[in-house]
PDB file of N, CA and C in Angstrom:
ATOM      1  N   UNK A   1     187.284 139.607 180.994  1.00  0.00           N
ATOM      2  CA  UNK A   1     185.815 139.312 180.207  1.00  0.00           C
ATOM      3  C   UNK A   1     184.451 139.514 181.603  1.00  0.00           C
ATOM      4  N   UNK A   2     183.174 140.083 181.396  1.00  0.00           N
ATOM      5  CA  UNK A   2     182.368 139.930 182.490  1.00  0.00           C
ATOM      6  C   UNK A   2     181.535 139.157 182.060  1.00  0.00           C
ATOM      7  N   UNK A   3     181.336 138.386 183.339  1.00  0.00           N
ATOM      8  CA  UNK A   3     179.533 137.263 183.174  1.00  0.00           C
ATOM      9  C   UNK A   3     178.949 137.690 184.275  1.00  0.00           C
ATOM     10  N   UNK A   4     177.641 138.357 183.092  1.00  0.00           N
ATOM     11  CA  UNK A   4     176.106 138.391 183.628  1.00  0.00           C
ATOM     12  C   UNK A   4     175.495 137.397 183.861  1.00  0.00           C
ATOM     13  N   UNK A   5     174.277 137.585 184.896  1.00  0.00           N
ATOM     14  CA  UNK A   5     173.120 136.344 184.526  1.00  0.00           C
ATOM     15  C   UNK A   5     172.070 137.528 184.400  1.00  0.00           C
ATOM     16  N   UNK A   6     170.954 137.016 183.601  1.00  0.00           N
ATOM     17  CA  UNK A   6     170.066 137.542 182.602  1.00  0.00           C
ATOM     18  C   UNK A   6     169.082 136.911 182.837  1.00  0.00           C
ATOM     19  N   UNK A   7     168.244 137.516 183.411  1.00  0.00           N
ATOM     20  CA  UNK A   7     166.529 136.451 183.372  1.00  0.00           C
ATOM     21  C   UNK A   7     165.497 137.147 182.325  1.00  0.00           C
ATOM     22  N   UNK A   8     164.842 135.945 181.138  1.00  0.00           N
ATOM     23  CA  UNK A   8     164.299 136.484 180.410  1.00  0.00           C
ATOM     24  C   UNK A   8     163.064 135.819 180.597  1.00  0.00           C
ATOM     25  N   UNK A   9     161.934 136.452 181.177  1.00  0.00           N
ATOM     26  CA  UNK A   9     160.746 135.362 180.629  1.00  0.00           C
ATOM     27  C   UNK A   9     161.312 134.149 182.186  1.00  0.00           C
ATOM     28  N   UNK A  10     161.619 134.537 183.182  1.00  0.00           N
ATOM     29  CA  UNK A  10     161.390 133.646 183.912  1.00  0.00           C
ATOM     30  C   UNK A  10     163.021 132.529 183.999  1.00  0.00           C
ATOM     31  N   UNK A  11     163.497 132.922 182.745  1.00  0.00           N
ATOM     32  CA  UNK A  11     164.507 131.642 182.706  1.00  0.00           C
ATOM     33  C   UNK A  11     166.146 132.595 182.592  1.00  0.00           C
ATOM     34  N   UNK A  12     167.193 131.775 183.183  1.00  0.00           N
ATOM     35  CA  UNK A  12     168.388 132.138 183.597  1.00  0.00           C
ATOM     36  C   UNK A  12     169.074 132.244 182.464  1.00  0.00           C
ATOM     37  N   UNK A  13     169.952 133.089 182.331  1.00  0.00           N
ATOM     38  CA  UNK A  13     171.005 133.131 180.935  1.00  0.00           C
ATOM     39  C   UNK A  13     172.345 133.334 181.683  1.00  0.00           C
ATOM     40  N   UNK A  14     173.786 132.809 181.155  1.00  0.00           N
ATOM     41  CA  UNK A  14     174.378 133.309 181.680  1.00  0.00           C
ATOM     42  C   UNK A  14     175.417 134.094 180.260  1.00  0.00           C
ATOM     43  N   UNK A  15     175.294 135.547 180.647  1.00  0.00           N
ATOM     44  CA  UNK A  15     175.618 136.235 179.491  1.00  0.00           C
ATOM     45  C   UNK A  15     177.304 136.794 179.411  1.00  0.00           C
ATOM     46  N   UNK A  16     177.879 136.629 178.067  1.00  0.00           N
ATOM     47  CA  UNK A  16     179.670 136.569 178.265  1.00  0.00           C
ATOM     48  C   UNK A  16     180.109 138.030 178.628  1.00  0.00           C
ATOM     49  N   UNK A  17     178.852 139.133 178.041  1.00  0.00           N
ATOM     50  CA  UNK A  17     179.469 140.308 177.644  1.00  0.00           C
ATOM     51  C   UNK A  17     178.095 141.516 178.485  1.00  0.00           C
ATOM     52  N   UNK A  18     178.349 142.800 178.771  1.00  0.00           N
ATOM     53  CA  UNK A  18     177.189 143.511 178.425  1.00  0.00           C
ATOM     54  C   UNK A  18     176.288 143.513 177.613  1.00  0.00           C
ATOM     55  N   UNK A  19     177.058 143.687 176.712  1.00  0.00           N
ATOM     56  CA  UNK A  19     176.106 144.141 175.304  1.00  0.00           C
ATOM     57  C   UNK A  19     175.003 142.952 175.258  1.00  0.00           C
ATOM     58  N   UNK A  20     175.930 141.895 175.329  1.00  0.00           N
ATOM     59  CA  UNK A  20     174.987 140.937 174.848  1.00  0.00           C
ATOM     60  C   UNK A  20     173.595 141.199 175.553  1.00  0.00           C
ATOM     61  N   UNK A  21     173.861 141.578 176.915  1.00  0.00           N
ATOM     62  CA  UNK A  21     172.845 141.096 177.795  1.00  0.00           C
ATOM     63  C   UNK A  21     171.849 142.505 177.302  1.00  0.00           C
ATOM     64  N   UNK A  22     172.415 143.663 177.448  1.00  0.00           N
ATOM     65  CA  UNK A  22     171.430 144.676 176.868  1.00  0.00           C
ATOM     66  C   UNK A  22     170.459 144.357 175.351  1.00  0.00           C
ATOM     67  N   UNK A  23     171.276 143.786 174.527  1.00  0.00           N
ATOM     68  CA  UNK A  23     170.830 143.387 173.497  1.00  0.00           C
ATOM     69  C   UNK A  23     169.502 142.395 173.784  1.00  0.00           C
ATOM     70  N   UNK A  24     169.534 141.376 174.437  1.00  0.00           N
ATOM     71  CA  UNK A  24     168.241 140.055 174.880  1.00  0.00           C
ATOM     72  C   UNK A  24     167.388 141.307 175.401  1.00  0.00           C
ATOM     73  N   UNK A  25     167.661 142.146 176.283  1.00  0.00           N
ATOM     74  CA  UNK A  25     166.571 142.528 176.977  1.00  0.00           C
ATOM     75  C   UNK A  25     165.577 143.507 176.590  1.00  0.00           C
ATOM     76  N   UNK A  26     166.526 144.370 174.917  1.00  0.00           N
ATOM     77  CA  UNK A  26     165.588 145.186 174.376  1.00  0.00           C
ATOM     78  C   UNK A  26     164.754 144.449 173.307  1.00  0.00           C
ATOM     79  N   UNK A  27     165.436 143.223 172.602  1.00  0.00           N
ATOM     80  CA  UNK A  27     164.864 142.628 171.985  1.00  0.00           C
ATOM     81  C   UNK A  27     163.211 141.703 172.601  1.00  0.00           C
ATOM     82  N   UNK A  28     163.564 141.266 173.956  1.00  0.00           N
ATOM     83  CA  UNK A  28     162.178 140.242 174.623  1.00  0.00           C
ATOM     84  C   UNK A  28     161.243 142.042 174.929  1.00  0.00           C
ATOM     85  N   UNK A  29     161.545 142.749 175.152  1.00  0.00           N
ATOM     86  CA  UNK A  29     160.473 143.863 174.819  1.00  0.00           C
ATOM     87  C   UNK A  29     160.037 144.487 173.874  1.00  0.00           C
ATOM     88  N   UNK A  30     160.760 144.717 172.744  1.00  0.00           N
ATOM     89  CA  UNK A  30     159.973 145.271 171.920  1.00  0.00           C
ATOM     90  C   UNK A  30     159.261 144.549 170.803  1.00  0.00           C
ATOM     91  N   UNK A  31     160.152 142.975 171.085  1.00  0.00           N
ATOM     92  CA  UNK A  31     159.432 142.040 170.102  1.00  0.00           C
ATOM     93  C   UNK A  31     158.175 141.538 170.035  1.00  0.00           C
ATOM     94  N   UNK A  32     157.385 141.557 171.554  1.00  0.00           N
ATOM     95  CA  UNK A  32     156.586 141.290 172.490  1.00  0.00           C
ATOM     96  C   UNK A  32     155.182 142.301 172.536  1.00  0.00           C
ATOM     97  N   UNK A  33     154.184 141.813 171.672  1.00  0.00           N
ATOM     98  CA  UNK A  33     153.397 142.601 171.279  1.00  0.00           C
ATOM     99  C   UNK A  33     152.398 142.788 172.484  1.00  0.00           C
ATOM    100  N   UNK A  34     151.661 144.237 173.107  1.00  0.00           N
ATOM    101  CA  UNK A  34     150.994 144.199 174.542  1.00  0.00           C
ATOM    102  C   UNK A  34     149.843 143.671 174.305  1.00  0.00           C
ATOM    103  N   UNK A  35     149.506 143.084 175.083  1.00  0.00           N
ATOM    104  CA  UNK A  35     147.809 142.379 175.070  1.00  0.00           C
ATOM    105  C   UNK A  35     146.694 143.265 174.647  1.00  0.00           C
ATOM    106  N   UNK A  36     147.013 144.425 174.500  1.00  0.00           N
ATOM    107  CA  UNK A  36     146.073 145.602 174.057  1.00  0.00           C
ATOM    108  C   UNK A  36     145.614 145.688 172.696  1.00  0.00           C
ATOM    109  N   UNK A  37     147.230 145.649 171.725  1.00  0.00           N
ATOM    110  CA  UNK A  37     147.101 145.192 170.742  1.00  0.00           C
ATOM    111  C   UNK A  37     146.518 143.901 170.370  1.00  0.00           C
ATOM    112  N   UNK A  38     147.083 142.951 170.690  1.00  0.00           N
ATOM    113  CA  UNK A  38     146.350 142.122 170.324  1.00  0.00           C
ATOM    114  C   UNK A  38     145.091 141.506 170.454  1.00  0.00           C
ATOM    115  N   UNK A  39     144.673 141.939 171.441  1.00  0.00           N
ATOM    116  CA  UNK A  39     143.038 142.100 171.348  1.00  0.00           C
ATOM    117  C   UNK A  39     142.154 142.658 170.473  1.00  0.00           C
ATOM    118  N   UNK A  40     143.168 144.230 170.082  1.00  0.00           N
ATOM    119  CA  UNK A  40     142.433 144.573 169.136  1.00  0.00           C
ATOM    120  C   UNK A  40     142.611 143.850 167.613  1.00  0.00           C
ATOM    121  N   UNK A  41     143.485 143.510 167.255  1.00  0.00           N
ATOM    122  CA  UNK A  41     143.691 142.531 166.050  1.00  0.00           C
ATOM    123  C   UNK A  41     142.283 141.211 166.213  1.00  0.00           C
ATOM    124  N   UNK A  42     142.611 140.937 167.028  1.00  0.00           N
ATOM    125  CA  UNK A  42     141.521 139.583 167.296  1.00  0.00           C
ATOM    126  C   UNK A  42     139.698 139.760 167.084  1.00  0.00           C
ATOM    127  N   UNK A  43     139.230 140.752 167.735  1.00  0.00           N
ATOM    128  CA  UNK A  43     138.086 141.201 167.473  1.00  0.00           C
ATOM    129  C   UNK A  43     137.731 142.587 167.381  1.00  0.00           C
ATOM    130  N   UNK A  44     137.715 142.935 166.303  1.00  0.00           N
ATOM    131  CA  UNK A  44     137.192 144.085 165.619  1.00  0.00           C
ATOM    132  C   UNK A  44     135.962 144.563 166.042  1.00  0.00           C
ATOM    133  N   UNK A  45     135.902 146.016 166.218  1.00  0.00           N
ATOM    134  CA  UNK A  45     134.801 146.840 166.998  1.00  0.00           C
ATOM    135  C   UNK A  45     133.377 146.212 166.018  1.00  0.00           C
ATOM    136  N   UNK A  46     133.722 146.213 164.495  1.00  0.00           N
ATOM    137  CA  UNK A  46     132.505 146.254 163.366  1.00  0.00           C
ATOM    138  C   UNK A  46     132.135 145.156 163.279  1.00  0.00           C
ATOM    139  N   UNK A  47     132.368 144.062 163.869  1.00  0.00           N
ATOM    140  CA  UNK A  47     131.838 142.377 163.309  1.00  0.00           C
ATOM    141  C   UNK A  47     131.092 141.893 164.874  1.00  0.00           C
ATOM    142  N   UNK A  48     130.395 141.310 164.726  1.00  0.00           N
ATOM    143  CA  UNK A  48     129.082 140.947 165.383  1.00  0.00           C
ATOM    144  C   UNK A  48     130.040 139.623 166.405  1.00  0.00           C
ATOM    145  N   UNK A  49     129.265 140.074 167.514  1.00  0.00           N
ATOM    146  CA  UNK A  49     129.599 139.151 168.486  1.00  0.00           C
ATOM    147  C   UNK A  49     128.407 138.183 169.761  1.00  0.00           C
ATOM    148  N   UNK A  50     127.030 138.881 168.820  1.00  0.00           N
ATOM    149  CA  UNK A  50     126.216 138.179 169.249  1.00  0.00           C
ATOM    150  C   UNK A  50     124.741 138.225 168.723  1.00  0.00           C
ATOM    151  N   UNK A  51     124.504 136.836 168.636  1.00  0.00           N
ATOM    152  CA  UNK A  51     123.526 137.202 167.617  1.00  0.00           C
ATOM    153  C   UNK A  51     121.632 136.547 168.473  1.00  0.00           C
ATOM    154  N   UNK A  52     120.905 137.556 169.151  1.00  0.00           N
ATOM    155  CA  UNK A  52     119.819 137.704 169.790  1.00  0.00           C
ATOM    156  C   UNK A  52     118.485 137.207 168.829  1.00  0.00           C
ATOM    157  N   UNK A  53     118.387 137.371 167.382  1.00  0.00           N
ATOM    158  CA  UNK A  53     117.789 136.937 166.632  1.00  0.00           C
ATOM    159  C   UNK A  53     117.392 135.441 166.034  1.00  0.00           C
ATOM    160  N   UNK A  54     118.886 134.700 166.329  1.00  0.00           N
ATOM    161  CA  UNK A  54     119.006 133.404 166.476  1.00  0.00           C
ATOM    162  C   UNK A  54     118.182 132.726 167.007  1.00  0.00           C
ATOM    163  N   UNK A  55     117.867 133.429 168.383  1.00  0.00           N
ATOM    164  CA  UNK A  55     116.756 132.585 169.650  1.00  0.00           C
ATOM    165  C   UNK A  55     115.302 132.141 168.515  1.00  0.00           C
ATOM    166  N   UNK A  56     115.017 130.900 169.027  1.00  0.00           N
ATOM    167  CA  UNK A  56     114.133 130.084 168.238  1.00  0.00           C
ATOM    168  C   UNK A  56     113.863 129.843 166.707  1.00  0.00           C
ATOM    169  N   UNK A  57     115.201 129.664 166.277  1.00  0.00           N
ATOM    170  CA  UNK A  57     115.850 128.964 165.196  1.00  0.00           C
ATOM    171  C   UNK A  57     115.704 127.588 165.339  1.00  0.00           C
ATOM    172  N   UNK A  58     116.289 126.681 164.447  1.00  0.00           N
ATOM    173  CA  UNK A  58     117.145 125.912 164.362  1.00  0.00           C
ATOM    174  C   UNK A  58     118.636 125.447 165.031  1.00  0.00           C
ATOM    175  N   UNK A  59     119.188 124.971 165.708  1.00  0.00           N
ATOM    176  CA  UNK A  59     120.851 125.003 165.912  1.00  0.00           C
ATOM    177  C   UNK A  59     121.314 124.812 164.872  1.00  0.00           C
ATOM    178  N   UNK A  60     121.141 124.020 163.980  1.00  0.00           N
ATOM    179  CA  UNK A  60     121.938 124.082 162.472  1.00  0.00           C
ATOM    180  C   UNK A  60     121.676 125.072 161.830  1.00  0.00           C
ATOM    181  N   UNK A  61     120.866 125.416 161.934  1.00  0.00           N
ATOM    182  CA  UNK A  61     120.330 127.364 160.891  1.00  0.00           C
ATOM    183  C   UNK A  61     121.501 128.079 161.498  1.00  0.00           C
ATOM    184  N   UNK A  62     121.036 127.852 163.065  1.00  0.00           N
ATOM    185  CA  UNK A  62     122.092 128.761 163.716  1.00  0.00           C
ATOM    186  C   UNK A  62     123.511 128.990 163.278  1.00  0.00           C
ATOM    187  N   UNK A  63     124.040 127.933 163.163  1.00  0.00           N
ATOM    188  CA  UNK A  63     125.284 127.711 162.882  1.00  0.00           C
ATOM    189  C   UNK A  63     125.838 128.114 161.241  1.00  0.00           C
ATOM    190  N   UNK A  64     125.070 127.673 160.937  1.00  0.00           N
ATOM    191  CA  UNK A  64     124.921 127.744 159.018  1.00  0.00           C
ATOM    192  C   UNK A  64     125.485 129.760 159.145  1.00  0.00           C
ATOM    193  N   UNK A  65     124.353 130.339 160.109  1.00  0.00           N
ATOM    194  CA  UNK A  65     123.966 131.478 159.689  1.00  0.00           C
ATOM    195  C   UNK A  65     125.574 132.451 160.036  1.00  0.00           C
ATOM    196  N   UNK A  66     125.981 132.014 161.610  1.00  0.00           N
ATOM    197  CA  UNK A  66     127.320 132.381 162.097  1.00  0.00           C
ATOM    198  C   UNK A  66     128.169 132.654 161.425  1.00  0.00           C
ATOM    199  N   UNK A  67     128.297 131.089 160.692  1.00  0.00           N
ATOM    200  CA  UNK A  67     129.681 130.772 160.121  1.00  0.00           C
ATOM    201  C   UNK A  67     129.806 131.537 158.557  1.00  0.00           C
ATOM    202  N   UNK A  68     128.427 132.352 157.772  1.00  0.00           N
ATOM    203  CA  UNK A  68     129.181 133.028 156.903  1.00  0.00           C
ATOM    204  C   UNK A  68     128.955 134.493 157.360  1.00  0.00           C
ATOM    205  N   UNK A  69     128.658 134.811 158.838  1.00  0.00           N
ATOM    206  CA  UNK A  69     129.099 136.451 159.054  1.00  0.00           C
ATOM    207  C   UNK A  69     130.516 136.163 159.792  1.00  0.00           C
ATOM    208  N   UNK A  70     130.564 134.811 160.523  1.00  0.00           N
ATOM    209  CA  UNK A  70     132.558 135.050 160.488  1.00  0.00           C
ATOM    210  C   UNK A  70     132.814 133.510 160.544  1.00  0.00           C
ATOM    211  N   UNK A  71     133.415 132.842 159.142  1.00  0.00           N
ATOM    212  CA  UNK A  71     134.146 132.154 159.550  1.00  0.00           C
ATOM    213  C   UNK A  71     135.073 131.261 159.921  1.00  0.00           C
ATOM    214  N   UNK A  72     136.017 132.859 160.677  1.00  0.00           N
ATOM    215  CA  UNK A  72     136.861 132.265 161.682  1.00  0.00           C
ATOM    216  C   UNK A  72     136.171 131.828 163.387  1.00  0.00           C
ATOM    217  N   UNK A  73     135.469 131.733 163.413  1.00  0.00           N
ATOM    218  CA  UNK A  73     134.838 131.153 164.557  1.00  0.00           C
ATOM    219  C   UNK A  73     134.704 129.613 164.996  1.00  0.00           C
ATOM    220  N   UNK A  74     134.701 129.196 165.649  1.00  0.00           N
ATOM    221  CA  UNK A  74     134.494 127.452 166.152  1.00  0.00           C
ATOM    222  C   UNK A  74     133.110 127.826 166.507  1.00  0.00           C
ATOM    223  N   UNK A  75     132.330 127.196 166.210  1.00  0.00           N
ATOM    224  CA  UNK A  75     131.110 127.069 166.550  1.00  0.00           C
ATOM    225  C   UNK A  75     130.512 125.563 167.177  1.00  0.00           C
ATOM    226  N   UNK A  76     129.986 125.285 168.486  1.00  0.00           N
ATOM    227  CA  UNK A  76     129.669 124.547 168.889  1.00  0.00           C
ATOM    228  C   UNK A  76     128.420 124.311 169.277  1.00  0.00           C
ATOM    229  N   UNK A  77     127.151 123.450 169.308  1.00  0.00           N
ATOM    230  CA  UNK A  77     125.761 123.257 169.800  1.00  0.00           C
ATOM    231  C   UNK A  77     125.858 122.439 171.149  1.00  0.00           C
ATOM    232  N   UNK A  78     125.129 123.173 171.987  1.00  0.00           N
ATOM    233  CA  UNK A  78     125.276 122.338 173.079  1.00  0.00           C
ATOM    234  C   UNK A  78     123.642 122.049 173.425  1.00  0.00           C
ATOM    235  N   UNK A  79     123.625 120.737 174.327  1.00  0.00           N
ATOM    236  CA  UNK A  79     122.623 121.048 175.078  1.00  0.00           C
ATOM    237  C   UNK A  79     122.356 122.058 175.958  1.00  0.00           C
ATOM    238  N   UNK A  80     121.235 122.926 176.291  1.00  0.00           N
ATOM    239  CA  UNK A  80     121.143 124.032 177.523  1.00  0.00           C
ATOM    240  C   UNK A  80     121.439 123.489 178.724  1.00  0.00           C
ATOM    241  N   UNK A  81     121.376 122.170 179.133  1.00  0.00           N
ATOM    242  CA  UNK A  81     121.541 121.356 180.362  1.00  0.00           C
ATOM    243  C   UNK A  81     123.198 121.026 180.412  1.00  0.00           C
ATOM    244  N   UNK A  82     123.952 121.039 179.339  1.00  0.00           N
ATOM    245  CA  UNK A  82     124.739 120.394 179.323  1.00  0.00           C
ATOM    246  C   UNK A  82     125.938 121.171 179.924  1.00  0.00           C
ATOM    247  N   UNK A  83     127.073 120.009 180.691  1.00  0.00           N
ATOM    248  CA  UNK A  83     128.057 120.751 181.634  1.00  0.00           C
ATOM    249  C   UNK A  83     129.555 121.493 180.523  1.00  0.00           C
ATOM    250  N   UNK A  84     129.805 122.406 180.954  1.00  0.00           N
ATOM    251  CA  UNK A  84     131.113 122.898 179.768  1.00  0.00           C
ATOM    252  C   UNK A  84     132.078 123.625 180.575  1.00  0.00           C
ATOM    253  N   UNK A  85     132.914 123.787 180.184  1.00  0.00           N
ATOM    254  CA  UNK A  85     134.067 124.864 180.697  1.00  0.00           C
ATOM    255  C   UNK A  85     133.468 126.101 181.078  1.00  0.00           C
ATOM    256  N   UNK A  86     134.366 127.084 182.105  1.00  0.00           N
ATOM    257  CA  UNK A  86     134.100 128.627 182.192  1.00  0.00           C
ATOM    258  C   UNK A  86     135.222 128.718 181.079  1.00  0.00           C
ATOM    259  N   UNK A  87     136.107 128.578 180.561  1.00  0.00           N
ATOM    260  CA  UNK A  87     136.851 129.811 179.888  1.00  0.00           C
ATOM    261  C   UNK A  87     136.411 130.566 178.913  1.00  0.00           C
ATOM    262  N   UNK A  88     136.659 131.822 178.724  1.00  0.00           N
ATOM    263  CA  UNK A  88     136.103 133.078 177.802  1.00  0.00           C
ATOM    264  C   UNK A  88     137.322 132.987 176.527  1.00  0.00           C
ATOM    265  N   UNK A  89     136.869 132.368 175.271  1.00  0.00           N
ATOM    266  CA  UNK A  89     137.437 132.523 174.194  1.00  0.00           C
ATOM    267  C   UNK A  89     136.789 133.448 173.118  1.00  0.00           C
ATOM    268  N   UNK A  90     137.165 134.249 172.657  1.00  0.00           N
ATOM    269  CA  UNK A  90     136.635 135.444 171.588  1.00  0.00           C
ATOM    270  C   UNK A  90     136.523 134.358 170.371  1.00  0.00           C
ATOM    271  N   UNK A  91     137.358 133.158 170.251  1.00  0.00           N
ATOM    272  CA  UNK A  91     137.523 132.536 168.718  1.00  0.00           C
ATOM    273  C   UNK A  91     136.675 131.806 168.830  1.00  0.00           C
ATOM    274  N   UNK A  92     135.122 131.527 169.742  1.00  0.00           N
ATOM    275  CA  UNK A  92     134.467 130.305 169.869  1.00  0.00           C
ATOM    276  C   UNK A  92     133.119 131.247 170.266  1.00  0.00           C
ATOM    277  N   UNK A  93     131.699 129.960 169.448  1.00  0.00           N
ATOM    278  CA  UNK A  93     130.951 130.532 169.933  1.00  0.00           C
ATOM    279  C   UNK A  93     130.052 128.975 170.152  1.00  0.00           C
ATOM    280  N   UNK A  94     129.117 129.249 171.250  1.00  0.00           N
ATOM    281  CA  UNK A  94     128.185 128.113 171.883  1.00  0.00           C
ATOM    282  C   UNK A  94     127.101 128.657 171.336  1.00  0.00           C
ATOM    283  N   UNK A  95     126.449 127.088 170.794  1.00  0.00           N
ATOM    284  CA  UNK A  95     124.780 127.695 170.632  1.00  0.00           C
ATOM    285  C   UNK A  95     124.198 126.953 171.658  1.00  0.00           C
ATOM    286  N   UNK A  96     123.212 127.322 172.332  1.00  0.00           N
ATOM    287  CA  UNK A  96     122.483 126.397 173.421  1.00  0.00           C
ATOM    288  C   UNK A  96     121.038 126.170 172.863  1.00  0.00           C
ATOM    289  N   UNK A  97     120.786 124.691 172.993  1.00  0.00           N
ATOM    290  CA  UNK A  97     119.722 124.379 171.999  1.00  0.00           C
ATOM    291  C   UNK A  97     118.603 123.759 173.123  1.00  0.00           C
ATOM    292  N   UNK A  98     117.228 123.403 172.973  1.00  0.00           N
ATOM    293  CA  UNK A  98     116.718 122.523 173.865  1.00  0.00           C
ATOM    294  C   UNK A  98     116.814 121.073 173.315  1.00  0.00           C
ATOM    295  N   UNK A  99     115.474 120.377 173.499  1.00  0.00           N
ATOM    296  CA  UNK A  99     115.474 118.394 173.472  1.00  0.00           C
ATOM    297  C   UNK A  99     114.705 118.552 171.786  1.00  0.00           C
ATOM    298  N   UNK A 100     114.750 120.010 171.238  1.00  0.00           N
ATOM    299  CA  UNK A 100     114.118 119.992 170.234  1.00  0.00           C
ATOM    300  C   UNK A 100     115.285 120.282 169.407  1.00  0.00           C
ATOM    301  N   UNK A 101     116.192 120.825 169.674  1.00  0.00           N
ATOM    302  CA  UNK A 101     117.303 121.636 168.498  1.00  0.00           C
ATOM    303  C   UNK A 101     116.892 123.093 168.394  1.00  0.00           C
ATOM    304  N   UNK A 102     115.916 123.547 169.349  1.00  0.00           N
ATOM    305  CA  UNK A 102     115.645 124.957 168.956  1.00  0.00           C
ATOM    306  C   UNK A 102     116.811 125.754 169.894  1.00  0.00           C
ATOM    307  N   UNK A 103     116.996 127.352 169.112  1.00  0.00           N
ATOM    308  CA  UNK A 103     118.040 127.491 170.023  1.00  0.00           C
ATOM    309  C   UNK A 103     116.893 128.518 171.008  1.00  0.00           C
ATOM    310  N   UNK A 104     117.696 128.191 172.472  1.00  0.00           N
ATOM    311  CA  UNK A 104     117.237 128.884 173.774  1.00  0.00           C
ATOM    312  C   UNK A 104     117.970 130.347 174.063  1.00  0.00           C
ATOM    313  N   UNK A 105     118.812 130.907 173.884  1.00  0.00           N
ATOM    314  CA  UNK A 105     119.681 131.815 174.205  1.00  0.00           C
ATOM    315  C   UNK A 105     120.051 132.144 173.187  1.00  0.00           C
ATOM    316  N   UNK A 106     120.765 133.372 172.942  1.00  0.00           N
ATOM    317  CA  UNK A 106     121.211 133.955 172.354  1.00  0.00           C
ATOM    318  C   UNK A 106     122.750 133.759 172.069  1.00  0.00           C
ATOM    319  N   UNK A 107     123.330 133.453 170.983  1.00  0.00           N
ATOM    320  CA  UNK A 107     124.758 132.649 170.619  1.00  0.00           C
ATOM    321  C   UNK A 107     125.762 134.405 171.252  1.00  0.00           C
ATOM    322  N   UNK A 108     126.562 133.930 171.613  1.00  0.00           N
ATOM    323  CA  UNK A 108     127.818 134.610 171.435  1.00  0.00           C
ATOM    324  C   UNK A 108     128.884 134.265 171.549  1.00  0.00           C
ATOM    325  N   UNK A 109     129.859 135.106 171.374  1.00  0.00           N
ATOM    326  CA  UNK A 109     131.426 134.401 171.517  1.00  0.00           C
ATOM    327  C   UNK A 109     131.531 134.727 172.776  1.00  0.00           C
ATOM    328  N   UNK A 110     132.685 133.909 173.024  1.00  0.00           N
ATOM    329  CA  UNK A 110     133.320 133.688 174.380  1.00  0.00           C
ATOM    330  C   UNK A 110     133.290 132.049 175.074  1.00  0.00           C
TER     331      UNK A 110
END
């Protein structure tokens, strides 16, 4: 009986036969979707991802408007001077408001 070391996603496995190793390699490569496929499913081209018409409106009004168009998004209202993380997330919209709670920048995904 042959023993073969197999590395799958950075984890080392000891397989008892070559057939087992081949099956594991095929499963991991075919079952994992490509990044391009995942992005296409998350952000369809026909859905809005920016709302420039909401500049000048109240923050809560803008939040309600975006929620009606894209209910799957997490919407956050922030003061224009607040600190924030710089990560890019397609499932989030940040609405920047001034001290009077008026939108000062076009809300957009990211």
